[in-house]
């Protein structure tokens, strides 16, 4: 159920790459987690543009 809610939220926000990587992020603070997961989204989008 939680996984589905996350998928729906990411889809609504057009953050399609986050759902594939959020469980890979190790973090000590919430801010670090958000920064790292947003960086993954940005890098994935840039990679997709180049391909």
Protein backbone atom coordinates (compact mmCIF):
# COMPACT_ATOMS: atom_id res chain seq x y z
CA UNK A 1 0.00 0.00 0.00
CA UNK A 2 2.75 2.46 0.90
CA UNK A 3 4.65 1.59 -2.28
CA UNK A 4 1.53 2.28 -4.33
CA UNK A 5 0.95 5.63 -2.61
CA UNK A 6 4.56 6.61 -3.34
CA UNK A 7 4.18 5.60 -6.97
CA UNK A 8 1.00 7.64 -7.31
CA UNK A 9 2.57 10.69 -5.65
CA UNK A 10 5.69 10.51 -7.82
CA UNK A 11 3.54 10.15 -10.93
CA UNK A 12 1.40 13.16 -9.98
CA UNK A 13 4.52 15.25 -9.35
CA UNK A 14 6.28 14.00 -12.51
CA UNK A 15 9.14 12.53 -10.46
CA UNK A 16 9.31 9.21 -12.25
CA UNK A 17 12.86 8.25 -11.31
CA UNK A 18 12.54 8.74 -7.55
CA UNK A 19 10.41 5.64 -7.02
CA UNK A 20 13.14 3.48 -8.57
CA UNK A 21 15.90 4.77 -6.28
CA UNK A 22 14.50 6.06 -2.99
CA UNK A 23 15.26 2.83 -1.12
CA UNK A 24 18.94 2.97 -2.19
CA UNK A 25 19.65 6.26 -0.40
CA UNK A 26 21.35 6.07 2.97
CA UNK A 27 21.03 9.25 4.98
CA UNK A 28 21.46 10.84 8.37
CA UNK A 29 19.10 13.79 7.98
CA UNK A 30 15.87 14.40 6.10
CA UNK A 31 17.51 17.23 4.22
CA UNK A 32 20.31 14.96 3.03
CA UNK A 33 17.79 12.39 1.84
CA UNK A 34 15.81 14.98 -0.10
CA UNK A 35 18.93 16.51 -1.63
CA UNK A 36 20.24 13.11 -2.73
CA UNK A 37 16.95 11.84 -4.10
CA UNK A 38 16.33 15.07 -6.01
CA UNK A 39 19.86 14.87 -7.43
CA UNK A 40 19.08 11.36 -8.67
CA UNK A 41 15.94 12.67 -10.37
CA UNK A 42 17.87 15.50 -12.03
CA UNK A 43 20.72 13.23 -13.17
CA UNK A 44 18.27 10.67 -14.55
CA UNK A 45 16.42 13.33 -16.52
CA UNK A 46 19.67 14.69 -17.94
CA UNK A 47 20.79 11.20 -18.92
CA UNK A 48 17.45 10.59 -20.64
CA UNK A 49 17.78 13.87 -22.59
CA UNK A 50 21.22 12.87 -23.90
CA UNK A 51 20.12 9.37 -24.91
